[in-house]
Amino acid sequence: MCTFYWAGSSGPENIMVDNSKAEIKALKGVYPLTSILLCKFHVLEFVEAWMATHGIPKKKQVKNMFRHLVDSKTEEVFETR
């Protein structure tokens, strides 16, 4: 059975999720050929929460650097900063 009739029998090419391990596991079980992408907003929120719980200094600087990493389309773009 194909849930997404427009995606063909293998399912959608990509699915974007938050950082829910249960959701990712379920999607990989149903659509093993689908790429699972993490939502940029949720990745940045996770990084901010992780830094707060680990006492990371210069949080704003680290968060800005991580945002630049997430926004960079290629390694070369990231390295130009």
C-alpha atoms as a PDB file:
ATOM      1  CA  MET A   1       0.000   0.000   0.000  1.00  0.00           C
ATOM      2  CA  CYS A   2       1.349   3.421  -0.924  1.00  0.00           C
ATOM      3  CA  THR A   3       0.310   6.177   1.462  1.00  0.00           C
ATOM      4  CA  PHE A   4       1.621   8.957  -0.781  1.00  0.00           C
ATOM      5  CA  TYR A   5       0.228   8.212  -4.244  1.00  0.00           C
ATOM      6  CA  TRP A   6       2.344  10.970  -5.819  1.00  0.00           C
ATOM      7  CA  ALA A   7       5.586   9.635  -4.337  1.00  0.00           C
ATOM      8  CA  GLY A   8       5.607   6.207  -5.969  1.00  0.00           C
ATOM      9  CA  SER A   9       5.814   2.850  -4.274  1.00  0.00           C
ATOM     10  CA  SER A  10       8.966   3.649  -2.287  1.00  0.00           C
ATOM     11  CA  GLY A  11       7.385   6.592  -0.480  1.00  0.00           C
ATOM     12  CA  PRO A  12       8.449  10.240  -0.367  1.00  0.00           C
ATOM     13  CA  GLU A  13      12.032  11.182  -1.232  1.00  0.00           C
ATOM     14  CA  ASN A  14      12.445  13.381   1.891  1.00  0.00           C
ATOM     15  CA  ILE A  15      10.557  13.983   5.123  1.00  0.00           C
ATOM     16  CA  MET A  16      11.336  16.800   7.565  1.00  0.00           C
ATOM     17  CA  VAL A  17      10.828  16.136  11.275  1.00  0.00           C
ATOM     18  CA  ASP A  18      11.709  17.605  14.635  1.00  0.00           C
ATOM     19  CA  ASN A  19      14.183  15.665  16.784  1.00  0.00           C
ATOM     20  CA  SER A  20      11.706  12.950  17.846  1.00  0.00           C
ATOM     21  CA  LYS A  21      13.568   9.640  17.899  1.00  0.00           C
ATOM     22  CA  ALA A  22      10.279   7.695  17.948  1.00  0.00           C
ATOM     23  CA  GLU A  23       9.026   9.548  14.855  1.00  0.00           C
ATOM     24  CA  ILE A  24      12.310   9.003  13.008  1.00  0.00           C
ATOM     25  CA  LYS A  25      12.337   5.288  13.875  1.00  0.00           C
ATOM     26  CA  ALA A  26       8.723   4.861  12.728  1.00  0.00           C
ATOM     27  CA  LEU A  27       9.343   6.696   9.445  1.00  0.00           C
ATOM     28  CA  LYS A  28      12.484   4.662   8.709  1.00  0.00           C
ATOM     29  CA  GLY A  29      10.464   1.496   9.345  1.00  0.00           C
ATOM     30  CA  VAL A  30       7.725   2.499   6.899  1.00  0.00           C
ATOM     31  CA  TYR A  31       9.895   4.343   4.342  1.00  0.00           C
ATOM     32  CA  PRO A  32      13.420   2.867   4.467  1.00  0.00           C
ATOM     33  CA  LEU A  33      14.489   4.641   1.257  1.00  0.00           C
ATOM     34  CA  THR A  34      13.316   8.094   2.390  1.00  0.00           C
ATOM     35  CA  SER A  35      15.841  10.678   3.623  1.00  0.00           C
ATOM     36  CA  ILE A  36      14.928  12.008   7.061  1.00  0.00           C
ATOM     37  CA  LEU A  37      15.774  15.702   7.449  1.00  0.00           C
ATOM     38  CA  LEU A  38      15.833  17.575  10.744  1.00  0.00           C
ATOM     39  CA  CYS A  39      14.009  20.906  10.989  1.00  0.00           C
ATOM     40  CA  LYS A  40      16.511  23.789  11.270  1.00  0.00           C
ATOM     41  CA  PHE A  41      14.462  25.512  13.981  1.00  0.00           C
ATOM     42  CA  HIS A  42      14.416  22.389  16.135  1.00  0.00           C
ATOM     43  CA  VAL A  43      18.134  21.725  15.609  1.00  0.00           C
ATOM     44  CA  LEU A  44      18.984  25.264  16.769  1.00  0.00           C
ATOM     45  CA  GLU A  45      16.630  24.955  19.747  1.00  0.00           C
ATOM     46  CA  PHE A  46      18.280  21.653  20.695  1.00  0.00           C
ATOM     47  CA  VAL A  47      21.753  23.230  20.496  1.00  0.00           C
ATOM     48  CA  GLU A  48      20.654  26.150  22.677  1.00  0.00           C
ATOM     49  CA  ALA A  49      19.139  23.807  25.288  1.00  0.00           C
ATOM     50  CA  TRP A  50      22.237  21.583  25.238  1.00  0.00           C
ATOM     51  CA  MET A  51      24.525  24.567  25.779  1.00  0.00           C
ATOM     52  CA  ALA A  52      22.381  25.749  28.710  1.00  0.00           C
ATOM     53  CA  THR A  53      22.580  22.380  30.449  1.00  0.00           C
ATOM     54  CA  HIS A  54      26.327  21.995  29.844  1.00  0.00           C
ATOM     55  CA  GLY A  55      27.417  25.458  30.973  1.00  0.00           C
ATOM     56  CA  ILE A  56      28.853  26.482  27.600  1.00  0.00           C
ATOM     57  CA  PRO A  57      30.316  30.012  27.752  1.00  0.00           C
ATOM     58  CA  LYS A  58      29.787  32.568  24.987  1.00  0.00           C
ATOM     59  CA  LYS A  59      26.416  31.029  24.104  1.00  0.00           C
ATOM     60  CA  LYS A  60      25.477  33.778  21.659  1.00  0.00           C
ATOM     61  CA  GLN A  61      28.761  33.411  19.748  1.00  0.00           C
ATOM     62  CA  VAL A  62      28.483  29.617  19.607  1.00  0.00           C
ATOM     63  CA  LYS A  63      24.818  29.776  18.559  1.00  0.00           C
ATOM     64  CA  ASN A  64      25.640  32.268  15.782  1.00  0.00           C
ATOM     65  CA  MET A  65      28.450  30.029  14.544  1.00  0.00           C
ATOM     66  CA  PHE A  66      26.154  26.997  14.599  1.00  0.00           C
ATOM     67  CA  ARG A  67      23.430  28.947  12.758  1.00  0.00           C
ATOM     68  CA  HIS A  68      26.015  29.841  10.097  1.00  0.00           C
ATOM     69  CA  LEU A  69      26.912  26.142   9.825  1.00  0.00           C
ATOM     70  CA  VAL A  70      23.266  25.140   9.402  1.00  0.00           C
ATOM     71  CA  ASP A  71      22.672  27.896   6.820  1.00  0.00           C
ATOM     72  CA  SER A  72      25.772  27.064   4.746  1.00  0.00           C
ATOM     73  CA  LYS A  73      24.939  25.138   1.589  1.00  0.00           C
ATOM     74  CA  THR A  74      28.516  23.902   1.146  1.00  0.00           C
ATOM     75  CA  GLU A  75      31.692  23.530   3.163  1.00  0.00           C
ATOM     76  CA  GLU A  76      33.259  26.313   1.092  1.00  0.00           C
ATOM     77  CA  VAL A  77      30.475  28.731   2.055  1.00  0.00           C
ATOM     78  CA  PHE A  78      30.949  27.847   5.725  1.00  0.00           C
ATOM     79  CA  GLU A  79      34.720  28.355   5.526  1.00  0.00           C
ATOM     80  CA  THR A  80      34.399  31.855   4.000  1.00  0.00           C
ATOM     81  CA  ARG A  81      33.235  33.259   7.328  1.00  0.00           C
END
